[in-house]
Protein backbone atom coordinates (compact mmCIF):
# COMPACT_ATOMS: atom_id res chain seq x y z
CA MET A 1 0.00 0.00 0.00
CA THR A 2 1.23 3.48 -0.82
CA ARG A 3 -0.09 6.74 0.58
CA ASP A 4 -0.57 10.11 -1.03
CA ASP A 5 -2.72 11.74 1.67
CA ARG A 6 -5.18 8.82 1.42
CA PRO A 7 -4.98 5.06 0.89
CA VAL A 8 -4.33 4.05 -2.71
CA TRP A 9 -4.17 0.48 -3.99
CA GLU A 10 -2.56 -0.14 -7.35
CA ASP A 11 -4.44 -3.42 -7.70
CA ARG A 12 -8.19 -2.95 -7.51
CA GLY A 13 -8.86 -6.50 -8.56
CA PRO A 14 -12.42 -7.64 -7.94
CA TRP A 15 -13.45 -10.21 -5.37
CA ARG A 16 -14.57 -13.21 -7.41
CA PRO A 17 -17.43 -15.53 -6.51
CA GLY A 18 -16.14 -18.44 -4.49
CA GLY A 19 -12.77 -16.73 -4.42
CA ARG A 20 -11.79 -17.73 -0.88
CA THR A 21 -10.59 -21.12 0.21
CA PRO A 22 -11.82 -23.02 3.30
CA GLY A 23 -10.40 -21.56 6.48
CA GLU A 24 -9.92 -18.08 5.05
CA ALA A 25 -11.65 -15.14 6.69
CA PRO A 26 -15.20 -14.44 5.53
CA ARG A 27 -15.51 -11.44 3.23
CA VAL A 28 -17.72 -8.45 3.95
CA ILE A 29 -18.47 -5.59 1.54
CA VAL A 30 -19.50 -2.25 3.04
CA ILE A 31 -21.20 0.38 0.89
CA GLY A 32 -20.25 3.89 1.98
CA ALA A 33 -17.25 5.26 3.87
CA GLY A 34 -19.23 7.52 6.17
CA ILE A 35 -18.80 7.10 9.90
CA GLY A 36 -21.27 4.19 9.97
CA GLY A 37 -19.48 2.38 7.15
CA LEU A 38 -15.99 2.98 8.52
CA SER A 39 -17.15 1.83 11.95
CA THR A 40 -18.59 -1.36 10.46
CA GLY A 41 -15.32 -1.99 8.64
CA CYS A 42 -13.22 -1.44 11.76
CA TYR A 43 -15.24 -3.76 13.97
CA ALA A 44 -15.51 -6.44 11.27
CA GLN A 45 -11.72 -6.34 10.78
CA MET A 46 -11.16 -6.59 14.53
CA SER A 47 -13.50 -9.59 14.61
CA GLY A 48 -11.62 -11.51 11.93
CA ALA A 49 -13.46 -10.68 8.71
CA GLU A 50 -11.84 -9.39 5.52
CA THR A 51 -13.59 -6.23 4.45
CA ARG A 52 -13.71 -3.80 1.60
CA ILE A 53 -15.49 -0.44 1.56
CA PHE A 54 -16.74 1.14 -1.67
CA GLU A 55 -17.18 4.91 -1.56
CA ARG A 56 -18.52 7.14 -4.35
CA HIS A 57 -16.63 10.25 -3.15
CA VAL A 58 -12.88 10.92 -2.91
CA LEU A 59 -12.93 11.35 0.88
CA PRO A 60 -14.09 9.35 3.89
CA GLY A 61 -16.72 10.61 6.31
CA GLY A 62 -19.83 11.25 4.23
CA CYS A 63 -21.38 14.38 5.74
CA CYS A 64 -18.62 14.41 8.36
CA THR A 65 -16.34 16.30 6.03
CA ALA A 66 -14.50 19.50 5.11
CA TRP A 67 -13.22 21.20 1.98
CA ALA A 68 -10.71 23.86 0.99
CA ARG A 69 -10.90 27.36 -0.41
CA GLN A 70 -7.56 29.02 -0.99
CA ASP A 71 -5.64 28.18 2.21
CA TYR A 72 -8.74 27.86 4.41
CA VAL A 73 -10.34 24.64 5.61
CA PHE A 74 -14.13 24.81 5.91
CA ASP A 75 -15.26 22.24 8.45
CA TYR A 76 -18.82 21.16 7.78
CA CYS A 77 -20.26 18.83 10.38
CA ILE A 78 -19.21 18.63 14.02
CA GLU A 79 -20.40 21.28 16.47
CA TRP A 80 -19.79 19.05 19.49
CA LEU A 81 -18.99 15.36 19.77
CA THR A 82 -20.49 13.14 22.43
CA GLY A 83 -17.78 10.93 23.93
CA THR A 84 -14.68 13.14 23.95
CA GLY A 85 -14.09 12.47 27.64
CA ARG A 86 -13.29 9.21 29.41
CA ASN A 87 -14.99 6.43 31.34
CA ASN A 88 -18.19 6.12 29.35
CA ASP A 89 -19.42 3.92 26.52
CA ALA A 90 -19.49 6.72 23.92
CA SER A 91 -15.84 7.49 24.60
CA ARG A 92 -15.01 3.79 24.39
CA VAL A 93 -16.53 3.54 20.89
CA TRP A 94 -14.50 6.49 19.60
CA ARG A 95 -11.29 5.17 21.12
CA GLU A 96 -11.88 1.70 19.66
CA LEU A 97 -12.24 3.43 16.29
CA GLY A 98 -9.12 5.53 16.78
CA ALA A 99 -11.15 8.69 16.24
CA LEU A 100 -9.40 10.65 18.98
CA ASP A 101 -5.87 9.26 18.59
CA GLY A 102 -3.21 11.89 19.27
CA LYS A 103 -5.75 14.72 19.44
CA THR A 104 -6.41 17.55 21.81
CA ILE A 105 -10.03 18.42 22.60
CA ALA A 106 -11.44 21.96 22.70
CA ASN A 107 -13.97 22.33 25.52
CA PHE A 108 -16.04 25.48 25.96
CA GLU A 109 -17.59 26.79 29.16
CA MET A 110 -20.88 27.52 27.41
CA PHE A 111 -22.86 25.68 24.78
CA ASN A 112 -24.18 28.71 22.94
CA THR A 113 -25.17 32.37 23.23
CA VAL A 114 -28.50 33.58 21.86
CA THR A 115 -28.94 37.24 20.87
CA ASP A 116 -32.22 38.85 19.88
CA GLU A 117 -32.90 41.68 17.42
CA THR A 118 -32.40 44.33 20.09
CA GLY A 119 -28.97 43.04 21.12
CA ARG A 120 -30.03 41.37 24.38
CA SER A 121 -28.15 38.10 24.92
CA VAL A 122 -28.33 35.02 27.09
CA THR A 123 -25.43 32.60 27.45
CA PHE A 124 -26.06 28.95 28.22
CA TYR A 125 -23.20 28.02 30.53
CA ASN A 126 -22.64 24.33 31.17
CA ASP A 127 -21.98 24.87 34.88
CA PRO A 128 -25.45 24.82 36.49
CA ASP A 129 -24.44 27.24 39.27
CA ARG A 130 -23.04 29.79 36.84
CA LEU A 131 -26.00 29.34 34.50
CA GLU A 132 -28.49 29.89 37.32
CA ALA A 133 -26.78 33.06 38.49
CA HIS A 134 -26.64 34.42 34.94
CA LEU A 135 -30.28 33.67 34.18
CA LEU A 136 -31.51 35.13 37.48
CA GLU A 137 -29.56 38.30 36.77
CA LEU A 138 -31.26 38.56 33.38
CA SER A 139 -34.76 37.85 34.66
CA PRO A 140 -35.32 37.67 38.43
CA GLY A 141 -39.05 37.27 37.83
CA ASP A 142 -38.43 33.89 36.19
CA ALA A 143 -36.73 32.42 39.26
CA ARG A 144 -39.05 29.41 39.44
CA PRO A 145 -38.46 27.93 35.95
CA ILE A 146 -34.78 28.99 36.05
CA ARG A 147 -34.16 27.13 39.29
CA ALA A 148 -36.14 24.13 38.07
CA PHE A 149 -34.03 23.84 34.90
CA CYS A 150 -30.72 24.27 36.73
CA ARG A 151 -31.76 21.83 39.45
CA ASP A 152 -32.42 19.21 36.77
CA LEU A 153 -29.10 20.05 35.11
CA ARG A 154 -27.30 19.34 38.39
CA ARG A 155 -29.05 15.98 38.57
CA PHE A 156 -28.02 15.14 35.02
CA THR A 157 -24.38 15.81 35.87
CA ARG A 158 -24.61 12.74 38.13
CA ILE A 159 -25.94 10.45 35.36
CA ASN A 160 -23.64 8.35 33.16
CA LEU A 161 -25.81 6.71 30.51
CA TYR A 162 -24.29 6.14 27.06
CA PRO A 163 -25.81 2.88 25.69
CA PHE A 164 -23.65 2.47 22.60
CA LEU A 165 -21.83 -0.85 23.06
CA THR A 166 -24.21 -3.77 22.60
CA PRO A 167 -27.73 -4.00 21.12
CA PRO A 168 -30.23 -5.18 23.76
CA PRO A 169 -30.93 -8.59 22.14
CA LEU A 170 -27.25 -9.52 22.53
CA GLN A 171 -26.70 -8.15 26.01
CA SER A 172 -25.82 -10.65 28.69
CA ALA A 173 -27.85 -10.93 31.87
CA GLY A 174 -25.08 -9.06 33.67
CA GLU A 175 -25.11 -6.23 31.12
CA LYS A 176 -28.89 -5.89 31.36
CA LEU A 177 -28.74 -5.82 35.14
CA ALA A 178 -26.00 -3.17 35.08
CA ALA A 179 -28.06 -1.03 32.68
CA LEU A 180 -31.11 -1.40 34.94
CA ARG A 181 -29.11 -0.36 37.99
CA ALA A 182 -27.84 2.70 36.13
CA VAL A 183 -31.32 3.78 35.01
CA LEU A 184 -33.50 3.07 38.05
CA PRO A 185 -32.17 5.80 40.39
CA SER A 186 -32.85 8.44 37.73
CA PHE A 187 -35.91 6.90 36.09
CA ALA A 188 -38.38 9.51 37.30
CA LEU A 189 -36.08 12.35 36.17
CA LEU A 190 -35.46 10.77 32.77
CA TRP A 191 -39.15 10.06 32.21
CA ARG A 192 -40.31 13.54 33.25
CA THR A 193 -37.76 15.40 31.14
CA ALA A 194 -38.42 13.09 28.18
CA VAL A 195 -42.15 13.88 28.11
CA THR A 196 -41.83 17.64 28.76
CA ARG A 197 -41.49 19.45 25.47
CA MET A 198 -39.08 22.37 25.45
CA GLU A 199 -41.70 24.61 23.86
CA SER A 200 -44.11 23.83 26.74
CA PHE A 201 -41.41 24.52 29.31
CA CYS A 202 -40.63 27.87 27.66
CA GLU A 203 -44.20 29.04 28.20
CA ARG A 204 -43.34 29.36 31.91
CA PHE A 205 -40.95 32.25 31.24
CA GLU A 206 -42.10 35.86 31.46
CA ASP A 207 -38.96 37.26 29.85
CA PRO A 208 -39.43 37.20 26.04
CA LEU A 209 -35.72 36.56 25.40
CA LEU A 210 -35.62 33.48 27.64
CA ARG A 211 -38.87 32.22 26.19
CA ARG A 212 -37.44 32.43 22.68
CA ALA A 213 -33.82 31.53 23.43
CA PHE A 214 -34.03 28.22 25.30
CA PRO A 215 -34.93 26.13 22.19
CA PHE A 216 -31.72 27.44 20.55
CA ILE A 217 -29.31 26.02 23.15
CA PHE A 218 -28.22 23.60 20.42
CA PHE A 219 -27.71 26.43 17.89
CA GLN A 220 -30.90 25.78 15.88
CA ASP A 221 -34.36 25.08 17.29
CA HIS A 222 -34.86 21.32 17.10
CA GLU A 223 -38.60 21.96 17.47
CA VAL A 224 -39.81 18.56 18.72
CA PHE A 225 -37.18 18.03 21.41
CA PRO A 226 -38.12 17.60 25.06
CA LEU A 227 -35.97 18.87 27.93
CA LEU A 228 -33.94 15.65 28.23
CA PRO A 229 -31.43 16.08 25.35
CA TYR A 230 -30.68 19.67 26.35
CA LEU A 231 -29.94 18.66 29.93
CA PHE A 232 -28.06 15.53 28.91
CA ASN A 233 -25.73 17.29 26.48
CA MET A 234 -25.10 20.30 28.69
CA ALA A 235 -24.21 17.89 31.51
CA SER A 236 -21.91 16.01 29.12
CA ALA A 237 -20.20 19.29 28.21
CA TYR A 238 -19.86 20.14 31.90
CA HIS A 239 -17.93 16.87 32.33
CA LEU A 240 -15.79 17.65 29.23
CA ASN A 241 -17.49 14.83 27.33
CA ALA A 242 -18.96 16.94 24.53
CA GLY A 243 -15.95 18.78 23.15
CA PHE A 244 -14.55 19.46 19.70
CA PRO A 245 -11.76 17.12 18.52
CA GLN A 246 -8.70 18.60 16.90
CA GLY A 247 -9.02 18.41 13.13
CA GLY A 248 -12.80 18.58 13.23
CA SER A 249 -15.08 16.59 11.00
CA LEU A 250 -12.72 15.38 8.30
CA GLY A 251 -10.01 14.91 10.91
CA LEU A 252 -12.34 12.51 12.74
CA ALA A 253 -13.12 10.62 9.54
CA ARG A 254 -9.44 10.45 8.54
CA SER A 255 -8.50 9.04 11.94
CA VAL A 256 -11.15 6.30 11.71
CA GLU A 257 -10.03 5.60 8.14
CA GLU A 258 -6.44 5.22 9.39
CA ARG A 259 -7.61 2.86 12.11
CA TYR A 260 -9.51 0.83 9.50
CA THR A 261 -6.61 0.52 7.07
CA ALA A 262 -4.19 -0.28 9.92
CA LEU A 263 -6.49 -3.20 10.77
CA GLY A 264 -6.08 -4.44 7.19
CA GLY A 265 -9.20 -2.94 5.65
CA ARG A 266 -9.38 -1.36 2.23
CA VAL A 267 -11.34 1.62 0.90
CA ASP A 268 -11.97 2.00 -2.81
CA TYR A 269 -12.75 5.65 -3.59
CA ARG A 270 -14.53 6.88 -6.72
CA ALA A 271 -16.23 3.50 -6.65
CA ARG A 272 -19.96 4.03 -6.94
CA VAL A 273 -22.12 0.98 -6.25
CA GLU A 274 -24.94 0.73 -8.77
CA ARG A 275 -26.72 -2.32 -7.39
CA ILE A 276 -26.53 -5.08 -4.85
CA LEU A 277 -26.23 -8.51 -6.42
CA VAL A 278 -28.84 -10.96 -5.15
CA GLU A 279 -29.13 -14.68 -5.86
CA ASN A 280 -31.93 -16.79 -4.40
CA ASP A 281 -32.86 -14.05 -1.94
CA ARG A 282 -29.31 -13.70 -0.68
CA ALA A 283 -26.99 -10.71 -1.17
CA VAL A 284 -23.82 -12.05 -2.77
CA GLY A 285 -21.99 -8.89 -3.82
CA VAL A 286 -22.19 -5.53 -5.55
CA GLU A 287 -21.89 -4.13 -9.05
CA LEU A 288 -20.04 -0.84 -9.51
CA ARG A 289 -20.67 1.82 -12.12
CA GLY A 290 -18.88 0.53 -15.19
CA GLY A 291 -19.94 -3.06 -14.55
CA GLU A 292 -17.19 -4.30 -12.23
CA ARG A 293 -18.55 -6.91 -9.82
CA HIS A 294 -17.34 -7.92 -6.37
CA PHE A 295 -18.63 -10.90 -4.39
CA ALA A 296 -18.67 -11.46 -0.64
CA ASP A 297 -20.22 -13.51 2.14
CA HIS A 298 -22.09 -10.51 3.51
CA VAL A 299 -23.00 -7.00 2.29
CA VAL A 300 -23.64 -4.04 4.58
CA SER A 301 -25.19 -0.86 3.19
CA ALA A 302 -24.17 2.23 5.16
CA CYS A 303 -25.25 4.81 2.60
CA ASP A 304 -28.44 6.82 2.02
CA GLY A 305 -31.56 4.94 3.05
CA VAL A 306 -33.75 5.61 0.02
CA THR A 307 -30.83 4.89 -2.30
CA THR A 308 -30.31 1.53 -0.60
CA ILE A 309 -33.92 0.39 -0.72
CA GLU A 310 -35.06 1.81 -4.05
CA ARG A 311 -31.98 1.87 -6.27
CA LEU A 312 -29.44 -0.63 -4.97
CA LEU A 313 -32.09 -3.26 -4.20
CA GLY A 314 -34.52 -2.18 -6.88
CA GLY A 315 -37.40 -1.92 -4.42
CA ARG A 316 -37.62 -5.72 -4.16
CA TYR A 317 -36.97 -5.99 -0.42
CA SER A 318 -38.41 -4.01 2.41
CA SER A 319 -40.20 -4.43 5.74
CA PRO A 320 -43.03 -2.73 7.60
CA LYS A 321 -40.49 -0.67 9.54
CA ILE A 322 -38.58 0.37 6.43
CA ASP A 323 -41.83 1.29 4.67
CA LYS A 324 -42.90 3.35 7.64
CA LEU A 325 -39.60 5.23 7.66
CA PHE A 326 -39.13 5.91 3.96
CA LYS A 327 -42.66 5.90 2.54
CA GLU A 328 -44.56 7.48 5.40
CA MET A 329 -42.31 9.43 7.72
CA MET A 330 -39.98 10.85 5.09
CA THR A 331 -42.97 12.65 3.57
CA THR A 332 -44.34 14.06 6.83
CA GLY A 333 -41.86 16.92 6.88
CA PRO A 334 -40.10 18.73 9.73
CA ASP A 335 -41.86 16.86 12.55
CA VAL A 336 -39.70 13.78 11.89
CA LEU A 337 -36.95 14.67 9.40
CA TYR A 338 -34.37 17.41 9.75
CA PRO A 339 -34.38 20.01 6.97
CA GLY A 340 -31.35 20.82 4.91
CA VAL A 341 -28.70 23.28 6.04
CA VAL A 342 -27.18 26.26 4.29
CA SER A 343 -23.55 26.84 5.32
CA VAL A 344 -21.82 30.12 4.61
CA PHE A 345 -18.09 30.04 5.33
CA VAL A 346 -16.05 33.20 5.62
CA GLY A 347 -12.26 33.39 5.48
CA LEU A 348 -10.81 36.44 7.21
CA ASP A 349 -7.38 38.05 6.97
CA GLY A 350 -6.89 38.74 10.65
CA GLU A 351 -7.66 37.40 14.11
CA LEU A 352 -11.19 37.13 15.42
CA ASP A 353 -12.53 39.59 17.95
CA PRO A 354 -11.44 38.05 21.29
CA SER A 355 -14.60 39.32 22.99
CA ALA A 356 -16.91 37.45 20.58
CA ARG A 357 -18.44 34.17 21.75
CA HIS A 358 -17.30 31.02 19.97
CA SER A 359 -20.93 30.36 18.99
CA THR A 360 -23.91 32.73 18.79
CA THR A 361 -27.41 32.22 17.45
CA TYR A 362 -28.90 35.50 16.27
CA LEU A 363 -32.69 35.75 16.29
CA LEU A 364 -33.51 37.65 13.11
CA SER A 365 -35.95 40.46 12.53
CA ASP A 366 -38.68 40.04 9.93
CA GLU A 367 -36.67 42.27 7.59
CA ASP A 368 -33.51 40.16 7.94
CA SER A 369 -35.46 36.93 7.60
CA ALA A 370 -36.99 38.13 4.35
CA ALA A 371 -33.51 38.88 3.00
CA LEU A 372 -31.90 35.53 3.90
CA PRO A 373 -32.74 33.00 1.14
CA GLY A 374 -34.83 30.06 2.30
CA VAL A 375 -34.39 30.60 6.04
CA LEU A 376 -36.85 28.48 8.03
CA GLN A 377 -36.43 29.59 11.64
CA LYS A 378 -35.66 33.31 11.47
CA SER A 379 -32.25 32.68 12.98
CA LEU A 380 -28.60 32.56 11.94
CA VAL A 381 -25.85 30.66 13.77
CA VAL A 382 -22.41 32.32 13.72
CA GLN A 383 -19.47 30.23 14.93
CA MET A 384 -15.87 31.35 15.24
CA ARG A 385 -14.48 28.07 13.92
CA SER A 386 -10.82 29.06 14.22
CA ARG A 387 -11.25 28.72 17.98
CA TYR A 388 -12.35 25.11 17.66
CA SER A 389 -9.17 23.66 16.19
CA ASP A 390 -5.88 24.66 14.64
CA GLY A 391 -5.39 24.10 10.94
CA PHE A 392 -8.63 25.69 9.76
CA ALA A 393 -6.92 28.93 8.73
CA PRO A 394 -3.35 30.04 7.97
CA PRO A 395 -1.47 31.84 10.76
CA GLY A 396 -2.95 35.26 11.45
CA LYS A 397 -6.21 34.41 9.67
CA SER A 398 -9.62 33.14 10.79
CA VAL A 399 -12.69 31.18 9.70
CA VAL A 400 -16.31 32.01 10.55
CA HIS A 401 -19.06 29.45 9.86
CA CYS A 402 -22.64 30.70 9.51
CA THR A 403 -25.52 28.22 9.22
CA TYR A 404 -29.30 28.10 9.07
CA PHE A 405 -31.99 25.52 8.41
CA SER A 406 -33.42 25.87 4.91
CA ASP A 407 -35.86 24.12 2.63
CA TYR A 408 -34.33 21.67 0.20
CA GLU A 409 -36.96 21.81 -2.55
CA SER A 410 -36.49 25.45 -3.50
CA TRP A 411 -32.72 25.01 -3.82
CA LYS A 412 -33.14 21.78 -5.79
CA LYS A 413 -35.63 23.32 -8.19
CA LEU A 414 -33.31 26.22 -9.00
CA ARG A 415 -30.27 24.03 -9.44
CA THR A 416 -32.20 21.74 -11.76
CA THR A 417 -34.07 24.30 -13.84
CA ASP A 418 -32.17 27.59 -13.66
CA ARG A 419 -28.51 27.29 -12.77
CA LYS A 420 -27.96 31.05 -13.11
CA ALA A 421 -30.72 31.76 -10.59
CA TYR A 422 -29.29 29.10 -8.29
CA TRP A 423 -25.90 30.80 -8.20
CA ALA A 424 -27.59 34.17 -7.75
CA ARG A 425 -29.39 32.80 -4.69
CA LYS A 426 -26.13 31.57 -3.22
CA GLN A 427 -24.72 35.04 -3.83
CA GLU A 428 -27.67 36.52 -1.93
CA ALA A 429 -26.84 34.33 1.06
CA ALA A 430 -23.17 35.36 0.85
CA ASP A 431 -24.05 39.07 0.60
CA PHE A 432 -26.40 38.82 3.56
CA VAL A 433 -23.77 37.17 5.77
CA ARG A 434 -21.11 39.68 4.72
CA ALA A 435 -23.37 42.60 5.64
CA PHE A 436 -24.62 40.91 8.83
CA LEU A 437 -21.11 40.30 10.11
CA GLU A 438 -20.11 43.87 9.33
CA ARG A 439 -23.14 45.12 11.27
CA HIS A 440 -22.26 43.08 14.38
CA HIS A 441 -18.47 43.33 14.04
CA PRO A 442 -17.73 46.71 12.43
CA GLY A 443 -14.70 46.64 10.18
CA ILE A 444 -14.74 42.91 9.58
CA GLY A 445 -15.95 43.33 6.01
CA ALA A 446 -12.63 44.75 4.85
CA SER A 447 -10.85 41.62 6.12
CA ILE A 448 -12.99 39.10 4.24
CA GLU A 449 -10.93 37.21 1.65
CA VAL A 450 -13.36 34.49 0.62
CA VAL A 451 -16.99 33.55 1.12
CA ASP A 452 -18.23 30.08 0.23
CA VAL A 453 -21.83 28.85 0.29
CA ALA A 454 -22.99 25.22 0.47
CA SER A 455 -26.70 24.63 -0.05
CA PRO A 456 -28.74 21.51 0.77
CA THR A 457 -28.30 20.39 -2.84
CA THR A 458 -24.52 20.70 -2.43
CA THR A 459 -24.77 18.19 0.42
CA GLU A 460 -26.90 15.82 -1.61
CA ARG A 461 -24.67 16.08 -4.66
CA TYR A 462 -21.45 15.17 -2.87
CA THR A 463 -22.64 12.78 -0.19
CA GLY A 464 -25.78 11.25 -1.70
CA VAL A 465 -27.78 11.99 1.46
CA ARG A 466 -31.45 12.47 0.63
CA GLY A 467 -32.70 16.05 0.73
CA GLY A 468 -29.37 17.30 2.06
CA SER A 469 -30.49 16.26 5.54
CA ILE A 470 -27.15 15.83 7.29
CA LEU A 471 -28.85 15.00 10.61
CA GLY A 472 -31.46 12.58 9.23
CA TRP A 473 -34.26 11.51 11.57
CA LYS A 474 -35.10 13.67 14.55
CA SER A 475 -34.77 12.00 17.93
CA PHE A 476 -37.72 11.87 20.31
CA THR A 477 -40.16 11.34 17.45
CA PRO A 478 -41.97 8.23 16.21
CA ALA A 479 -38.92 7.58 14.00
CA ASP A 480 -36.99 6.65 17.15
CA ASP A 481 -39.42 3.84 17.94
CA VAL A 482 -39.18 2.47 14.40
CA ILE A 483 -35.36 2.57 14.41
CA THR A 484 -35.28 0.88 17.83
CA GLY A 485 -37.43 -1.90 16.41
CA LEU A 486 -35.22 -2.14 13.35
CA ILE A 487 -32.16 -2.60 15.58
CA ASN A 488 -33.65 -4.80 18.30
CA LYS A 489 -36.25 -6.88 16.47
CA ASP A 490 -35.19 -6.96 12.82
CA ARG A 491 -31.53 -6.98 13.88
CA MET A 492 -30.68 -4.45 11.17
CA ARG A 493 -31.80 -6.83 8.41
CA LEU A 494 -34.49 -6.91 5.74
CA PRO A 495 -36.95 -9.82 5.99
CA GLY A 496 -36.56 -12.20 3.08
CA LEU A 497 -33.01 -11.15 2.21
CA ASP A 498 -30.11 -13.08 3.70
CA GLY A 499 -26.48 -11.98 3.80
CA PHE A 500 -27.38 -8.29 4.03
CA SER A 501 -27.43 -5.69 6.81
CA LEU A 502 -28.08 -1.98 7.28
CA ALA A 503 -25.97 0.60 9.12
CA GLY A 504 -25.45 4.37 9.27
CA GLN A 505 -27.61 7.33 10.28
CA TRP A 506 -30.73 6.29 8.35
CA PHE A 507 -30.88 2.91 10.09
CA GLY A 508 -29.17 3.61 13.42
CA GLY A 509 -30.36 7.13 14.16
CA GLY A 510 -28.86 10.56 13.64
CA SER A 511 -25.75 11.97 15.33
CA LEU A 512 -22.20 10.76 14.81
CA ILE A 513 -22.07 8.59 17.91
CA ARG A 514 -25.22 6.73 16.90
CA ALA A 515 -23.83 6.22 13.40
CA ALA A 516 -20.62 4.85 14.89
CA ALA A 517 -22.57 2.64 17.30
CA SER A 518 -24.62 1.27 14.40
CA GLY A 519 -21.40 -0.17 12.94
CA ARG A 520 -20.64 -1.85 16.27
CA PHE A 521 -24.17 -3.22 16.53
CA VAL A 522 -24.38 -4.54 12.98
CA THR A 523 -20.99 -6.24 13.28
CA GLN A 524 -22.10 -8.05 16.44
CA TYR A 525 -25.13 -9.34 14.56
CA LEU A 526 -23.25 -10.44 11.44
CA CYS A 527 -20.57 -12.17 13.54
CA ARG A 528 -23.31 -14.56 14.67
CA GLU A 529 -24.06 -15.40 11.05
CA LEU A 530 -20.45 -15.70 9.94
CA GLY A 531 -19.33 -17.78 12.92
CA LEU A 532 -16.94 -15.14 14.26
CA ASP A 533 -16.30 -13.99 17.80
CA PHE A 534 -16.96 -10.26 18.09
CA ARG A 535 -13.82 -8.49 19.26
CA ALA A 536 -13.02 -4.84 19.95
CA TRP A 537 -10.19 -2.96 21.66
CA GLU A 538 -8.95 0.60 21.92
CA SER A 539 -6.56 1.60 19.16
CA GLY A 540 -3.88 2.90 21.51
CA GLY A 541 -2.68 5.40 18.93
CA THR A 542 -0.31 7.97 20.41
CA VAL A 543 1.10 9.83 17.41
CA PRO A 544 0.29 13.56 17.82
CA TRP A 545 -2.32 14.63 15.32
CA HIS A 546 -1.38 17.27 12.74
CA PRO A 547 -3.54 19.22 10.25
CA ASP A 548 -1.47 17.86 7.37
CA ARG A 549 -3.17 14.52 7.96
CA LEU A 550 -6.33 15.98 6.44
CA GLY A 551 -4.64 15.50 3.06
CA ARG A 552 -5.57 17.32 -0.09
CA LEU A 553 -9.12 18.65 0.11
CA PRO A 554 -11.59 19.03 -2.76
CA GLN A 555 -13.45 22.16 -3.78
CA LEU A 556 -17.09 21.14 -3.73
CA GLU A 557 -18.53 23.21 -6.55
CA SER A 558 -17.05 24.73 -9.63
CA ARG A 559 -17.01 28.33 -8.43
CA ARG A 560 -17.29 30.29 -5.24
CA VAL A 561 -19.28 33.37 -4.34
CA ARG A 562 -17.52 36.56 -3.36
């Protein structure tokens, strides 16, 4: 194997049918080198299988990615990562995958700051005592709900529940008993905060800023979320278990890729799977664009859900749960499925204002909302990304990342029918952000060297993810129940199709840790079929991480906006 910033194999010879001799390791093909696919490959290699991942793009990570403009790196995905600390199951998964090898972690004392149209701000500190004091100073009249929220946050700091190691059907009696012991003392708290919607809780506030700001603790309003995920993640951040890993999104993917190849795995890039080969209701391999065929004992699809079911399998295999997800829930809109995201990256010649928060959600006026193309929530998230990790900007320069939820269909229609209007709309978004930053940080406009806009259709074009929905299914919705059934009852399989499994965000749930856990889960299931003992251990990597390990980055679209 040689390396030129990424694994390259001179011999891409296909796996032939019946190509392995008795006693050789069973072969597993994984479709997609996102976090779910890479995780599947790592755990399968550790467990004694021979694996091969086929990826349509030139980079690992799927939506967990970055790209370059001039000398800037625009990091696309991670805002915080569950499991950056120690002594919990989420951390164990990442360390088994080598995701944090040699890396420092940036931890922030607050999750986010929310600023309204008048300039009033509230900062959501992770320390419950500091948060309570700050909120009471802002609105003494809201003491009752403030103290209730901070009291619950203190209780969550004493909870350590990260169920990402073993799917319930495969848990031993001891594991189930340990999980029960961990849950029971906090059951009432977990239940109450899981059934209390954030929007209902916010009705208790008299202060209009607090009433509007609390749903934006996680940068955008997740709309259907109850209190539980806010408290859980703020408590995780308080314990330094929800930080930002050095190198960001693509750095995480590269590290897992390195772990995978070090275990003997192989990634074929620019290798688009056109269909899954099926014989007698058993998946036996894949066919790539161009006709090249590869055969294996098991196939795992870790790519887009609709693509898997409709195109790769030709709609021939499904299940009631799959039909509910992709034929019913995918069409119900924002109640279950996250919308697309518009990202506007700004490269600055100069250092960022040291007084500015690392992350601020601005609640927009009606006038600003009307000027920002396709904005859904009348808000704009502004993050000073150069403070998250080194390597995102050259010395003396900075990167700002601005995001907002946006509708996919309007962007898709323009890109399909009127390319000129599509680029003009991206320019509108760039112009708005340029002017908005100048308004809030006078003088910054003169330092802007580059502005780059990625729309929801950009995401779909380069990753294949349906509708540009980088987060997929919303948690705490009926989709959660269906996915739980898919994992626990269907065991991540399709009824009537042997030798085939499902992994990744569409089948394991959104968020990077759930995608990574889906690879661990699916490997434990397929080990039963292939007669392997599931094995996993921490990578033990100690080489200091360096930005050069990102390799050469692509430019996502043919031109940038100014």
